[in-house]
Protein backbone atom coordinates (compact mmCIF):
# COMPACT_ATOMS: atom_id res chain seq x y z
CA MET A 1 0.09 -14.80 -9.26
CA SER A 2 -3.38 -16.20 -9.95
CA LYS A 3 -5.10 -15.45 -13.26
CA ILE A 4 -8.26 -13.38 -13.46
CA GLN A 5 -10.88 -15.64 -15.00
CA PRO A 6 -12.71 -14.94 -18.31
CA SER A 7 -16.02 -14.42 -16.52
CA GLU A 8 -14.47 -11.64 -14.39
CA LEU A 9 -12.35 -9.87 -17.03
CA ILE A 10 -14.04 -10.02 -20.42
CA ILE A 11 -11.85 -9.55 -23.50
CA ASN A 12 -13.43 -9.35 -26.96
CA GLU A 13 -12.28 -10.87 -30.23
CA ARG A 14 -9.93 -7.98 -31.05
CA GLY A 15 -8.20 -8.17 -27.69
CA ALA A 16 -10.04 -5.17 -26.24
CA ILE A 17 -11.70 -4.97 -22.84
CA TYR A 18 -15.41 -5.59 -23.27
CA HIS A 19 -17.51 -2.54 -22.41
CA ILE A 20 -15.29 0.33 -23.52
CA ASN A 21 -13.82 -1.68 -26.43
CA CYS A 22 -10.25 -0.41 -26.00
CA ARG A 23 -6.85 -2.09 -25.98
CA PRO A 24 -4.07 -0.92 -23.66
CA GLU A 25 -2.20 1.02 -26.35
CA GLU A 26 -5.37 2.94 -27.18
CA ILE A 27 -5.60 4.66 -23.77
CA ALA A 28 -3.43 7.51 -22.51
CA GLU A 29 -2.34 8.02 -18.90
CA THR A 30 -4.34 11.27 -18.82
CA VAL A 31 -8.04 10.56 -19.26
CA ILE A 32 -10.92 13.03 -19.55
CA THR A 33 -14.35 11.61 -18.79
CA VAL A 34 -17.59 13.13 -20.07
CA GLY A 35 -21.13 11.91 -19.62
CA ASP A 36 -22.54 12.60 -23.07
CA PRO A 37 -21.11 10.46 -25.93
CA ASP A 38 -21.49 13.46 -28.27
CA ARG A 39 -19.27 15.52 -25.98
CA VAL A 40 -16.24 13.34 -26.75
CA ALA A 41 -15.87 14.97 -30.17
CA GLU A 42 -16.44 18.39 -28.60
CA VAL A 43 -13.27 17.78 -26.59
CA SER A 44 -11.16 15.95 -29.18
CA LYS A 45 -11.78 18.62 -31.84
CA TYR A 46 -9.11 20.62 -30.01
CA PHE A 47 -6.56 17.81 -30.30
CA ASP A 48 -3.72 18.32 -32.75
CA LYS A 49 -3.90 14.66 -33.72
CA ILE A 50 -6.35 11.79 -33.09
CA GLU A 51 -4.79 8.32 -32.98
CA PHE A 52 -7.71 6.08 -32.06
CA LYS A 53 -11.52 6.24 -32.12
CA ASN A 54 -13.52 3.45 -30.50
CA GLN A 55 -17.20 3.00 -29.62
CA HIS A 56 -19.32 0.38 -27.90
CA ARG A 57 -22.78 1.19 -26.56
CA GLU A 58 -22.61 4.58 -24.80
CA PHE A 59 -18.84 4.35 -24.39
CA VAL A 60 -17.07 6.48 -27.01
CA THR A 61 -13.29 6.95 -26.77
CA HIS A 62 -10.93 9.26 -28.66
CA THR A 63 -7.20 9.23 -27.94
CA GLY A 64 -4.80 11.76 -29.39
CA MET A 65 -2.28 14.51 -28.87
CA LEU A 66 -2.85 18.00 -27.49
CA GLY A 67 0.48 19.63 -28.10
CA LYS A 68 2.95 17.17 -26.55
CA LYS A 69 0.34 15.73 -24.17
CA ARG A 70 -1.31 12.40 -24.98
CA ILE A 71 -4.91 12.40 -23.79
CA SER A 72 -7.88 10.06 -23.97
CA VAL A 73 -11.45 11.33 -23.68
CA ILE A 74 -14.16 8.79 -22.94
CA SER A 75 -17.91 9.03 -22.42
CA THR A 76 -19.31 7.28 -19.39
CA GLY A 77 -23.01 7.82 -19.84
CA ILE A 78 -24.99 8.91 -16.80
CA GLY A 79 -24.62 7.57 -13.29
CA PRO A 80 -22.35 5.76 -10.80
CA ASP A 81 -23.10 2.31 -12.27
CA ASN A 82 -21.43 3.34 -15.52
CA ILE A 83 -18.50 4.83 -13.59
CA ASP A 84 -18.01 1.41 -11.99
CA ILE A 85 -17.57 -0.08 -15.48
CA VAL A 86 -15.39 2.66 -16.95
CA LEU A 87 -12.99 3.05 -13.99
CA ASN A 88 -12.49 -0.68 -13.56
CA GLU A 89 -11.80 -1.13 -17.27
CA LEU A 90 -9.50 1.89 -17.58
CA ASP A 91 -7.50 0.58 -14.63
CA ALA A 92 -7.41 -2.91 -16.13
CA LEU A 93 -5.97 -1.51 -19.37
CA ALA A 94 -3.25 0.26 -17.39
CA ASN A 95 -2.48 -2.29 -14.69
CA ILE A 96 -3.51 -5.78 -15.82
CA ASN A 97 -1.74 -7.79 -18.50
CA LEU A 98 -4.67 -8.82 -20.68
CA GLU A 99 -2.75 -11.71 -22.25
CA THR A 100 -1.68 -13.38 -19.00
CA ARG A 101 -4.70 -12.04 -17.05
CA THR A 102 -2.43 -11.09 -14.15
CA ILE A 103 -1.90 -7.80 -12.31
CA LYS A 104 1.27 -6.01 -13.40
CA GLU A 105 4.12 -5.68 -10.93
CA ASN A 106 4.63 -1.97 -11.63
CA LEU A 107 1.34 -0.10 -11.40
CA VAL A 108 0.49 3.02 -13.40
CA THR A 109 -1.22 6.05 -11.86
CA LEU A 110 -3.74 7.63 -14.21
CA ASN A 111 -4.84 11.26 -14.12
CA ILE A 112 -8.62 11.25 -14.54
CA ILE A 113 -10.49 14.54 -15.04
CA ARG A 114 -14.26 14.75 -15.38
CA LEU A 115 -15.69 17.57 -17.51
CA GLY A 116 -19.40 17.62 -16.80
CA THR A 117 -22.47 19.57 -15.79
CA ALA A 118 -24.05 20.05 -12.37
CA GLY A 119 -26.67 21.93 -10.40
CA SER A 120 -25.54 24.59 -7.94
CA LEU A 121 -26.73 24.37 -4.34
CA GLN A 122 -25.48 27.83 -3.38
CA GLU A 123 -27.01 31.08 -4.63
CA LYS A 124 -23.52 32.60 -4.80
CA ILE A 125 -22.53 30.03 -7.48
CA PRO A 126 -24.63 31.16 -10.46
CA VAL A 127 -25.33 29.34 -13.71
CA ASP A 128 -22.51 29.23 -16.27
CA ASN A 129 -19.86 29.29 -13.50
CA PHE A 130 -17.39 26.44 -12.90
CA VAL A 131 -16.86 24.22 -9.83
CA ALA A 132 -13.80 22.12 -8.98
CA SER A 133 -14.92 19.48 -6.48
CA THR A 134 -12.80 19.20 -3.32
CA HIS A 135 -14.71 16.06 -2.30
CA GLY A 136 -17.25 13.69 -3.76
CA LEU A 137 -19.96 12.79 -1.26
CA GLY A 138 -21.95 9.80 -2.45
CA LEU A 139 -25.62 9.12 -1.84
CA ASP A 140 -25.51 6.35 -4.47
CA ASN A 141 -24.06 3.46 -2.38
CA LEU A 142 -21.56 2.29 -5.06
CA MET A 143 -18.46 2.55 -2.88
CA ASN A 144 -20.18 0.60 -0.10
CA TYR A 145 -19.39 -2.47 -2.24
CA TYR A 146 -15.64 -1.70 -2.09
CA LEU A 147 -13.05 -1.30 0.66
CA LEU A 148 -12.67 2.48 0.73
CA GLU A 149 -10.33 3.89 3.36
CA THR A 150 -10.98 7.44 4.57
CA ASN A 151 -8.83 9.91 6.47
CA ALA A 152 -9.78 11.67 9.71
CA LEU A 153 -11.13 14.81 8.03
CA GLU A 154 -13.29 12.78 5.65
CA ARG A 155 -14.72 10.76 8.53
CA GLU A 156 -15.53 13.92 10.48
CA LEU A 157 -17.16 15.52 7.42
CA LEU A 158 -19.24 12.43 6.80
CA GLN A 159 -20.32 12.10 10.42
CA SER A 160 -21.39 15.75 10.50
CA PHE A 161 -23.24 15.42 7.18
CA THR A 162 -25.10 12.30 8.27
CA ALA A 163 -26.18 13.91 11.54
CA HIS A 164 -27.31 17.06 9.70
CA THR A 165 -29.35 15.32 6.97
CA GLN A 166 -30.37 12.03 8.59
CA MET A 167 -29.57 10.59 5.16
CA GLN A 168 -28.95 7.15 6.63
CA VAL A 169 -32.73 6.64 6.49
CA ILE A 170 -32.39 5.85 2.77
CA SER A 171 -28.66 5.74 2.05
CA ASN A 172 -25.28 4.98 3.58
CA PRO A 173 -23.27 8.02 2.43
CA TYR A 174 -19.56 7.86 1.70
CA ILE A 175 -16.93 10.48 0.88
CA SER A 176 -13.59 10.76 -0.87
CA SER A 177 -11.30 13.69 -1.69
CA ALA A 178 -10.07 15.02 -5.02
CA GLY A 179 -6.55 14.27 -6.19
CA VAL A 180 -4.51 17.06 -4.63
CA SER A 181 -1.98 17.13 -7.48
CA LEU A 182 -4.85 17.96 -9.87
CA LEU A 183 -7.05 20.19 -7.70
CA LYS A 184 -4.29 22.72 -7.03
CA ASN A 185 -4.22 23.62 -10.75
CA PHE A 186 -7.89 24.63 -10.87
CA VAL A 187 -8.25 27.63 -8.58
CA ASP A 188 -8.54 30.78 -10.70
CA GLY A 189 -11.97 30.92 -12.28
CA PHE A 190 -13.29 27.95 -10.29
CA HIS A 191 -15.46 27.76 -7.20
CA GLN A 192 -14.45 24.91 -4.91
CA GLY A 193 -16.66 22.83 -2.66
CA ILE A 194 -18.09 19.43 -1.84
CA THR A 195 -20.02 17.81 -4.68
CA VAL A 196 -22.86 15.47 -3.76
CA THR A 197 -23.49 12.58 -6.14
CA CYS A 198 -27.07 11.34 -6.44
CA PRO A 199 -28.34 8.01 -7.83
CA GLY A 200 -30.98 9.72 -10.00
CA PHE A 201 -32.05 13.02 -11.53
CA TYR A 202 -35.57 13.55 -10.18
CA GLY A 203 -36.45 12.37 -6.67
CA PRO A 204 -32.83 11.84 -5.60
CA GLN A 205 -32.16 15.49 -6.51
CA GLY A 206 -35.34 16.78 -4.85
CA ARG A 207 -37.38 17.25 -8.04
CA VAL A 208 -41.12 16.63 -7.86
CA LEU A 209 -43.18 15.66 -10.90
CA ARG A 210 -45.88 13.13 -9.95
CA MET A 211 -44.28 11.18 -7.09
CA GLY A 212 -43.99 12.35 -3.52
CA LEU A 213 -40.56 12.53 -1.88
CA LYS A 214 -39.34 10.70 1.19
CA LEU A 215 -36.93 13.59 1.88
CA PRO A 216 -38.88 16.71 0.84
CA ASN A 217 -36.36 19.03 2.51
CA LEU A 218 -33.31 17.54 0.80
CA ILE A 219 -32.27 20.70 -1.07
CA ASP A 220 -32.43 22.84 2.09
CA GLN A 221 -30.47 20.27 4.07
CA LEU A 222 -27.71 20.07 1.47
CA THR A 223 -27.51 23.83 1.00
CA SER A 224 -27.34 24.57 4.72
CA PHE A 225 -24.68 21.98 5.54
CA SER A 226 -21.26 23.26 6.58
CA PHE A 227 -18.28 21.85 8.42
CA GLY A 228 -15.58 24.38 9.23
CA ASP A 229 -14.74 26.00 5.90
CA TYR A 230 -16.40 23.22 3.90
CA HIS A 231 -19.82 23.47 2.27
CA ILE A 232 -21.74 21.66 -0.44
CA SER A 233 -21.39 23.56 -3.69
CA ASN A 234 -23.29 21.41 -6.18
CA PHE A 235 -24.68 17.99 -7.01
CA GLU A 236 -24.66 15.68 -10.01
CA MET A 237 -24.40 11.92 -10.74
CA GLU A 238 -20.77 10.73 -11.10
CA THR A 239 -18.20 12.53 -8.93
CA SER A 240 -18.23 10.47 -5.73
CA ALA A 241 -17.89 7.23 -7.69
CA LEU A 242 -14.95 8.66 -9.66
CA TYR A 243 -13.24 9.88 -6.50
CA GLY A 244 -13.88 6.76 -4.48
CA MET A 245 -12.76 4.31 -7.14
CA SER A 246 -9.71 6.41 -8.01
CA ARG A 247 -8.74 6.42 -4.33
CA VAL A 248 -8.97 2.63 -4.08
CA LEU A 249 -7.15 2.05 -7.37
CA GLY A 250 -4.41 4.61 -6.71
CA HIS A 251 -5.28 7.15 -9.41
CA GLN A 252 -5.49 10.94 -9.26
CA CYS A 253 -8.96 12.27 -10.03
CA LEU A 254 -10.69 15.64 -10.33
CA SER A 255 -14.24 16.57 -11.23
CA LEU A 256 -14.89 19.90 -12.98
CA SER A 257 -18.47 21.04 -13.55
CA ALA A 258 -20.18 23.70 -15.58
CA ILE A 259 -23.17 24.90 -13.57
CA VAL A 260 -26.25 24.68 -15.77
CA ALA A 261 -28.89 25.02 -13.03
CA ASN A 262 -29.08 26.90 -9.74
CA ARG A 263 -31.53 25.06 -7.50
CA ILE A 264 -31.75 27.94 -5.03
CA SER A 265 -32.48 30.78 -7.46
CA LYS A 266 -34.44 28.33 -9.68
CA GLU A 267 -32.49 29.41 -12.77
CA PHE A 268 -31.37 27.30 -15.71
CA SER A 269 -28.60 28.28 -18.10
CA LYS A 270 -29.82 30.01 -21.25
CA ASP A 271 -27.11 28.15 -23.18
CA GLY A 272 -25.86 25.06 -21.40
CA LYS A 273 -23.93 23.92 -24.47
CA ALA A 274 -21.95 27.16 -24.44
CA ALA A 275 -21.24 26.73 -20.72
CA VAL A 276 -19.78 23.27 -21.35
CA GLU A 277 -17.77 24.57 -24.32
CA ASN A 278 -16.32 27.30 -22.10
CA LEU A 279 -15.37 24.70 -19.49
CA ILE A 280 -13.62 22.59 -22.12
CA LYS A 281 -11.70 25.57 -23.50
CA THR A 282 -10.73 26.65 -19.97
CA ALA A 283 -9.66 23.21 -18.76
CA LEU A 284 -7.73 21.84 -21.74
CA PRO A 285 -4.78 24.29 -21.61
CA ILE A 286 -4.36 23.43 -17.91
CA ILE A 287 -4.63 19.69 -18.55
CA GLU A 288 -2.06 19.98 -21.35
CA LYS A 289 0.50 21.24 -18.82
CA LEU A 290 -0.11 18.62 -16.12
C-alpha cells in the first residue's frame, strides 16, 4: 500500500496530526463536536475523568470518561471549511497508521455528534427548543469536491429543493442523511427536520445589513419547502459537511441544535447560553448509553 506523503498528511514534532494537535490514543471513538472553543469545557465539566487536553488554534480537544463511556469533545470553529479539517484529521487518527503513513486494514467507525446552535425556519419550532437533523442540505459546496454517493430519496429531495429554490443560480446543493443508529435515540424532546447549512452568517442566511441580496426571498423559499413528510426545520453552518464527510468516510453522525433564533417570528433567545447548557445536559445521558 502506498504511503501518504508528508505534504498531504502533516504530523508535528510530538507525533500529533497538525491542525487538531492530537495523537491516536488521545481520541475516543465517540466524538462530540462544538463550534465554540469555550464550549468544550462546558461539555467536559460533566465528565467523571479527563485524560487529555489539547489545543491548537481554534481546535480545543478534551478526552475523558463519562461513566463507562470514553468520549472526546472537540471545537471546530465556525463553518464547513473547518469541518473539512476536523473530520479528515479525526478519521486519520482512527484509520491511518501515522508511523507508516498507510491506511489501516481494519477501519474504525466513529460516532460523531454535533452539539450546536441554529436558527429555526418554522414558527412551530420556537427558540430554546432542540432539533435533531434528519438530513444536512448543503449550500456551501464543500462536498462537491468529494465523491458523495446519495440514495434515491436523497436525490429526489435534492431535485425538489433545487426546483423550488432555484438555488443552482449561486450554489450546487448537496444532501446527506443522519446516521440512523444515532438519530433513533433523539426523538423525545427533539424536533426533527432537514437542516440547511450555509457558507456564511449574513447574506447566505438572508440577513441584510448594508449589502443587497442576490436571493432576497431565501428565507421564504426555505420555510415553504416540503417533500412528502419532509420540511426544512433550521439552518446553521456545519451540519451538511459533517453528514457528507461522515457518509464518505463510513462514520455515524448526528447534528443536534439548540434553537437560539426564530427567523419567522423574528425572536432571539433571551438566554442562548442556557439553551446550549440544556442541550448538553439533555444529550450527554443519551450519548453515554450509545
